[in-house]
């Protein structure tokens, strides 16, 4: 979820290693250029014949180790959670077409990837012989990344609209009407349409919609100024984030699709936790992962939860 755009680091903290983001991106580009875009069939594997991964940057894993794929700025990694799931379930064939900044519309339409390349519609990877599909989508339809960034406050007291101290909740909640909740409801039919489209193109596939892991503290208590969001806004964003995950679970249930809760298993590993307990990075690149996105530790846990759901049922 969110775009692969970020500023460089500003300092050091404890054991963290601060590396210019542009340098890491350049190295990733070189490595990816030498790597195939998908893994081929694995003779002798015992799992599903064909597993396809769809979704946004919370799926693709930008700046995780072993980047690969075309276009490179989709940010796919051989260590993202779908790739780990494919190994855990011993999939015979695995195709990952997830891409940073993807919205529901990019399942059926081309997408301009974060650095300007063009990614084909993700549904192009589906076929009647697809046995398993996982997807993580909806966050960019809601625009949650931009909403959260708009809550950054450089001051702990109100001198003006954010970032000058006034809570951003005042820009989103008006009496009984909430702008973010409205956006979540607007995304509901889009996500439903995506699930229907998967069923149409891969009628025999087992489909799992994977929710979003924790980002801000589930307690509602932030860590300003380390993460410069006021507590009142941390609580607001947490509540809307939970609401978004509930919407995804409801859409999945109504469509007869399995929903995997990635949020609950990640509570206590939010962006405010110390290294290495945080599974969401700030501007650091250690553990590996794009700033303000799940890092390699989060992907490892999500992979365990998704693999358990696949192997434990259905």
Protein backbone atom coordinates (compact mmCIF):
# COMPACT_ATOMS: atom_id res chain seq x y z
CA UNK A 1 0.00 0.00 0.00
CA UNK A 2 1.33 3.45 -0.78
CA UNK A 3 3.89 4.69 -3.20
CA UNK A 4 7.57 3.79 -3.34
CA UNK A 5 8.63 7.37 -2.86
CA UNK A 6 10.57 8.35 0.22
CA UNK A 7 13.17 10.80 1.39
CA UNK A 8 16.65 9.88 2.54
CA UNK A 9 17.59 9.21 6.19
CA UNK A 10 18.45 11.91 8.68
CA UNK A 11 20.52 10.17 11.33
CA UNK A 12 21.29 7.09 13.42
CA UNK A 13 19.47 5.39 16.26
CA UNK A 14 20.77 2.44 18.25
CA UNK A 15 21.56 -0.55 16.06
CA UNK A 16 19.81 0.82 12.99
CA UNK A 17 21.84 1.20 9.82
CA UNK A 18 20.86 4.26 7.80
CA UNK A 19 21.40 3.91 4.06
CA UNK A 20 20.39 6.40 1.34
CA UNK A 21 17.17 5.11 -0.18
CA UNK A 22 18.23 6.03 -3.70
CA UNK A 23 21.36 3.88 -3.31
CA UNK A 24 19.37 0.86 -2.22
CA UNK A 25 16.90 1.38 -5.03
CA UNK A 26 19.72 1.54 -7.57
CA UNK A 27 21.23 -1.70 -6.29
CA UNK A 28 17.81 -3.31 -6.35
CA UNK A 29 17.36 -2.27 -9.96
CA UNK A 30 20.63 -3.89 -11.00
CA UNK A 31 19.83 -7.13 -9.16
CA UNK A 32 16.30 -7.27 -10.52
CA UNK A 33 17.43 -6.71 -14.06
CA UNK A 34 19.30 -10.01 -13.84
CA UNK A 35 16.37 -11.95 -12.38
CA UNK A 36 13.39 -13.58 -14.09
CA UNK A 37 9.97 -12.03 -13.47
CA UNK A 38 8.29 -15.20 -12.21
CA UNK A 39 9.33 -18.58 -10.93
CA UNK A 40 8.77 -21.48 -13.25
CA UNK A 41 7.26 -24.90 -12.51
CA UNK A 42 9.03 -26.92 -9.84
CA UNK A 43 9.17 -30.58 -10.86
CA UNK A 44 8.37 -32.88 -7.96
CA UNK A 45 6.63 -30.24 -5.86
CA UNK A 46 3.53 -31.52 -4.14
CA UNK A 47 1.52 -28.33 -3.59
CA UNK A 48 -0.95 -26.45 -5.80
CA UNK A 49 -0.22 -26.61 -9.53
CA UNK A 50 -0.44 -22.84 -10.04
CA UNK A 51 -0.39 -20.15 -7.32
CA UNK A 52 -0.91 -16.49 -8.30
CA UNK A 53 -0.25 -13.52 -6.00
CA UNK A 54 -2.05 -10.20 -6.58
CA UNK A 55 -1.97 -6.94 -4.67
CA UNK A 56 -0.24 -3.70 -3.69
CA UNK A 57 3.06 -2.80 -2.00
CA UNK A 58 2.06 -4.48 1.28
CA UNK A 59 2.18 -7.66 -0.81
CA UNK A 60 5.07 -6.97 -3.20
CA UNK A 61 7.53 -5.96 -0.46
CA UNK A 62 9.58 -3.08 -1.93
CA UNK A 63 13.21 -2.97 -0.74
CA UNK A 64 13.03 -6.43 0.77
CA UNK A 65 15.98 -8.72 -0.11
CA UNK A 66 16.15 -10.40 -3.51
CA UNK A 67 14.14 -7.96 -5.64
CA UNK A 68 13.05 -9.15 -9.08
CA UNK A 69 10.44 -8.77 -11.78
CA UNK A 70 9.22 -6.43 -14.46
CA UNK A 71 8.70 -3.58 -14.05
CA UNK A 72 11.27 -3.16 -11.31
CA UNK A 73 9.42 -0.31 -9.62
CA UNK A 74 6.56 -2.64 -8.68
CA UNK A 75 8.92 -3.60 -5.87
CA UNK A 76 8.48 -7.38 -5.88
CA UNK A 77 10.80 -9.46 -3.74
CA UNK A 78 11.62 -13.16 -3.54
CA UNK A 79 11.32 -12.78 0.24
CA UNK A 80 7.89 -11.13 0.37
CA UNK A 81 5.13 -13.03 2.13
CA UNK A 82 3.61 -14.63 -1.02
CA UNK A 83 7.02 -15.99 -2.04
CA UNK A 84 7.51 -17.42 1.44
CA UNK A 85 4.01 -18.92 1.30
CA UNK A 86 4.79 -20.53 -2.06
CA UNK A 87 7.78 -22.26 -0.50
CA UNK A 88 5.88 -23.24 2.65
CA UNK A 89 3.07 -24.93 0.74
CA UNK A 90 5.46 -26.43 -1.84
CA UNK A 91 3.69 -24.78 -4.77
CA UNK A 92 4.59 -26.30 -8.13
CA UNK A 93 4.31 -22.94 -9.92
CA UNK A 94 4.24 -19.43 -8.46
CA UNK A 95 3.46 -16.16 -10.25
CA UNK A 96 3.64 -12.85 -8.37
CA UNK A 97 2.23 -9.79 -10.17
CA UNK A 98 1.68 -7.58 -7.10
CA UNK A 99 2.79 -3.98 -7.55
CA UNK A 100 3.36 -0.97 -5.33
CA UNK A 101 0.60 1.68 -5.45
CA UNK A 102 -1.86 -0.77 -7.03
CA UNK A 103 -5.58 -0.09 -6.68
CA UNK A 104 -8.53 -2.31 -7.47
CA UNK A 105 -8.77 -0.85 -10.96
CA UNK A 106 -5.28 -2.14 -11.75
CA UNK A 107 -6.52 -5.69 -11.66
CA UNK A 108 -8.10 -5.08 -15.07
CA UNK A 109 -6.23 -2.00 -16.33
CA UNK A 110 -2.57 -1.11 -16.86
CA UNK A 111 -0.87 0.65 -13.99
CA UNK A 112 1.76 3.35 -13.98
CA UNK A 113 4.18 1.97 -11.39
CA UNK A 114 5.70 4.31 -8.76
CA UNK A 115 8.75 5.28 -10.83
CA UNK A 116 6.91 5.63 -14.14
CA UNK A 117 7.08 2.16 -15.68
CA UNK A 118 3.94 0.44 -16.93
CA UNK A 119 2.64 -2.75 -15.35
CA UNK A 120 0.08 -4.89 -17.19
CA UNK A 121 -3.30 -5.66 -15.59
CA UNK A 122 -2.72 -8.08 -12.74
CA UNK A 123 -5.63 -10.27 -13.83
CA UNK A 124 -3.58 -11.17 -16.92
CA UNK A 125 -1.81 -13.68 -14.68
CA UNK A 126 -5.03 -15.58 -13.94
CA UNK A 127 -6.28 -18.53 -15.98
CA UNK A 128 -8.66 -21.44 -15.68
CA UNK A 129 -5.83 -23.67 -14.45
CA UNK A 130 -5.00 -21.38 -11.50
CA UNK A 131 -5.43 -23.35 -8.28
CA UNK A 132 -4.66 -20.76 -5.61
CA UNK A 133 -4.93 -16.96 -5.47
CA UNK A 134 -3.93 -14.63 -2.64
CA UNK A 135 -4.63 -10.91 -2.82
CA UNK A 136 -4.04 -7.87 -0.66
CA UNK A 137 -5.85 -4.78 -1.96
CA UNK A 138 -7.98 -1.84 -0.86
CA UNK A 139 -5.60 0.43 1.04
CA UNK A 140 -4.82 2.58 -1.98
CA UNK A 141 -8.50 2.71 -2.95
CA UNK A 142 -9.14 4.28 0.45
CA UNK A 143 -6.00 6.42 0.13
CA UNK A 144 -4.90 5.45 3.61
CA UNK A 145 -1.25 6.22 2.99
CA UNK A 146 -2.02 9.83 2.09
CA UNK A 147 -4.46 10.20 4.98
CA UNK A 148 -1.80 9.05 7.46
CA UNK A 149 0.87 11.32 5.99
CA UNK A 150 -1.56 14.23 6.28
CA UNK A 151 -1.66 13.62 10.04
CA UNK A 152 2.05 14.29 10.54
CA UNK A 153 2.45 17.13 13.05
CA UNK A 154 5.76 18.84 13.75
CA UNK A 155 4.35 20.56 16.84
CA UNK A 156 2.60 19.08 19.91
CA UNK A 157 0.36 22.17 20.30
CA UNK A 158 -2.04 23.75 17.78
CA UNK A 159 -0.69 26.76 15.88
CA UNK A 160 -2.35 25.82 12.61
CA UNK A 161 -3.47 22.93 10.45
CA UNK A 162 -1.19 19.88 10.36
CA UNK A 163 1.77 19.83 10.31
CA UNK A 164 1.59 22.81 12.65
CA UNK A 165 -0.05 21.14 15.61
CA UNK A 166 -3.81 20.93 14.97
CA UNK A 167 -5.15 17.35 15.01
CA UNK A 168 -5.87 16.07 11.53
CA UNK A 169 -9.03 14.34 12.76
CA UNK A 170 -10.65 17.77 12.52
CA UNK A 171 -10.23 17.60 8.74
CA UNK A 172 -11.91 14.18 8.45
CA UNK A 173 -14.67 13.92 11.06
CA UNK A 174 -17.67 16.24 10.97
CA UNK A 175 -20.36 15.28 13.46
CA UNK A 176 -21.81 11.94 12.40
CA UNK A 177 -20.08 12.02 9.03
CA UNK A 178 -16.50 10.81 8.60
CA UNK A 179 -14.63 11.34 5.36
CA UNK A 180 -12.32 8.34 5.80
CA UNK A 181 -15.22 6.03 6.67
CA UNK A 182 -16.94 7.28 3.52
CA UNK A 183 -13.84 6.40 1.47
CA UNK A 184 -13.80 2.93 3.01
CA UNK A 185 -17.42 2.41 1.95
CA UNK A 186 -16.60 3.70 -1.52
CA UNK A 187 -13.88 1.05 -1.75
CA UNK A 188 -16.25 -1.77 -0.72
CA UNK A 189 -17.85 -2.39 -4.15
CA UNK A 190 -14.47 -2.11 -5.85
CA UNK A 191 -12.97 -4.84 -3.69
CA UNK A 192 -16.09 -6.94 -4.22
CA UNK A 193 -15.68 -6.48 -7.97
CA UNK A 194 -12.08 -7.67 -7.72
CA UNK A 195 -13.11 -10.86 -5.93
CA UNK A 196 -15.85 -11.46 -8.48
CA UNK A 197 -13.31 -10.95 -11.27
CA UNK A 198 -10.98 -13.53 -9.76
CA UNK A 199 -13.81 -16.05 -9.57
CA UNK A 200 -14.68 -15.39 -13.20
CA UNK A 201 -11.12 -15.87 -14.49
CA UNK A 202 -10.03 -18.65 -12.13
CA UNK A 203 -13.29 -20.49 -11.35
CA UNK A 204 -11.66 -23.47 -9.62
CA UNK A 205 -9.10 -21.53 -7.57
CA UNK A 206 -9.05 -21.25 -3.82
CA UNK A 207 -9.03 -17.50 -3.07
CA UNK A 208 -7.73 -15.79 0.07
CA UNK A 209 -8.09 -12.06 0.70
CA UNK A 210 -5.35 -11.00 3.12
CA UNK A 211 -5.92 -8.00 5.38
CA UNK A 212 -3.40 -5.36 6.40
CA UNK A 213 -1.01 -5.88 9.34
CA UNK A 214 -0.72 -3.37 12.18
CA UNK A 215 0.86 -0.02 11.37
CA UNK A 216 0.23 2.40 14.25
CA UNK A 217 -0.07 1.29 17.90
CA UNK A 218 -3.23 -0.70 18.56
CA UNK A 219 -3.27 0.92 22.01
CA UNK A 220 -3.95 4.29 20.41
CA UNK A 221 -0.95 5.82 22.19
CA UNK A 222 1.68 7.15 19.80
CA UNK A 223 5.33 8.08 20.17
CA UNK A 224 5.62 11.73 19.15
CA UNK A 225 8.14 13.06 18.10
CA UNK A 226 9.73 9.80 16.95
CA UNK A 227 6.62 9.24 14.85
CA UNK A 228 5.22 12.80 14.70
CA UNK A 229 1.51 12.01 14.92
CA UNK A 230 -0.51 13.22 17.91
CA UNK A 231 -2.19 10.62 20.12
CA UNK A 232 -5.68 11.81 19.14
CA UNK A 233 -4.78 11.20 15.50
CA UNK A 234 -3.12 7.86 16.27
CA UNK A 235 -6.43 6.72 17.76
CA UNK A 236 -8.36 8.05 14.78
CA UNK A 237 -6.10 6.38 12.24
CA UNK A 238 -6.10 3.13 14.23
CA UNK A 239 -9.90 3.08 14.28
CA UNK A 240 -10.21 3.76 10.55
CA UNK A 241 -7.50 1.16 9.81
CA UNK A 242 -9.45 -1.43 11.77
CA UNK A 243 -12.59 -0.33 9.95
CA UNK A 244 -10.87 -0.88 6.62
CA UNK A 245 -9.87 -4.41 7.64
CA UNK A 246 -13.43 -5.10 8.81
CA UNK A 247 -14.75 -3.98 5.45
CA UNK A 248 -12.36 -6.38 3.69
CA UNK A 249 -13.45 -9.25 5.93
CA UNK A 250 -17.13 -8.49 5.28
CA UNK A 251 -16.65 -8.33 1.52
CA UNK A 252 -14.78 -11.63 1.57
CA UNK A 253 -17.52 -13.32 3.61
CA UNK A 254 -20.27 -12.02 1.34
CA UNK A 255 -18.39 -13.24 -1.74
CA UNK A 256 -17.57 -16.65 -0.23
CA UNK A 257 -13.85 -15.92 -0.12
CA UNK A 258 -11.54 -16.71 2.79
CA UNK A 259 -10.24 -13.74 4.75
CA UNK A 260 -6.88 -13.89 6.49
CA UNK A 261 -6.46 -11.56 9.48
CA UNK A 262 -2.91 -10.21 9.34
CA UNK A 263 -3.64 -7.44 11.87
CA UNK A 264 -4.21 -9.36 15.10
CA UNK A 265 -1.00 -11.45 14.90
CA UNK A 266 1.03 -8.27 14.40
CA UNK A 267 -0.30 -6.25 17.36
CA UNK A 268 2.61 -5.05 19.47
CA UNK A 269 4.92 -4.72 16.47
CA UNK A 270 3.80 -1.29 15.23
CA UNK A 271 5.93 1.58 13.98
CA UNK A 272 6.47 2.92 17.52
CA UNK A 273 8.18 -0.20 18.85
CA UNK A 274 11.97 -0.29 19.32
CA UNK A 275 14.31 -2.13 17.01
CA UNK A 276 13.93 -5.01 16.24
CA UNK A 277 10.35 -5.31 17.55
CA UNK A 278 8.90 -2.88 15.01
CA UNK A 279 7.57 -4.65 11.92
CA UNK A 280 6.90 -1.32 10.20
CA UNK A 281 9.84 0.92 9.32
CA UNK A 282 10.04 4.67 9.86
CA UNK A 283 12.81 6.11 7.64
CA UNK A 284 15.18 3.26 8.49
CA UNK A 285 16.08 0.45 6.10
CA UNK A 286 17.11 -2.02 8.78
CA UNK A 287 15.29 -4.40 9.02
CA UNK A 288 14.98 -4.36 5.22
CA UNK A 289 11.82 -2.77 3.89
CA UNK A 290 10.51 0.46 2.41
CA UNK A 291 9.96 3.23 4.99
CA UNK A 292 6.38 3.40 6.29
CA UNK A 293 5.78 -0.15 5.03
CA UNK A 294 5.97 -3.63 6.55
CA UNK A 295 9.55 -4.80 6.78
CA UNK A 296 11.00 -8.27 6.36
CA UNK A 297 9.90 -9.28 9.88
CA UNK A 298 6.28 -8.40 9.12
CA UNK A 299 6.37 -10.32 5.84
CA UNK A 300 7.78 -13.35 7.66
CA UNK A 301 4.90 -13.36 10.15
CA UNK A 302 2.23 -12.71 7.50
CA UNK A 303 3.63 -15.62 5.49
CA UNK A 304 3.24 -17.89 8.50
CA UNK A 305 -0.36 -16.81 9.05
CA UNK A 306 -1.33 -17.18 5.39
CA UNK A 307 0.42 -20.54 5.01
CA UNK A 308 -1.31 -21.81 8.15
CA UNK A 309 -4.67 -20.73 6.72
CA UNK A 310 -3.93 -22.56 3.45
CA UNK A 311 -2.59 -25.75 4.99
CA UNK A 312 -4.99 -25.85 7.92
CA UNK A 313 -8.25 -25.66 6.04
CA UNK A 314 -10.05 -26.03 2.72
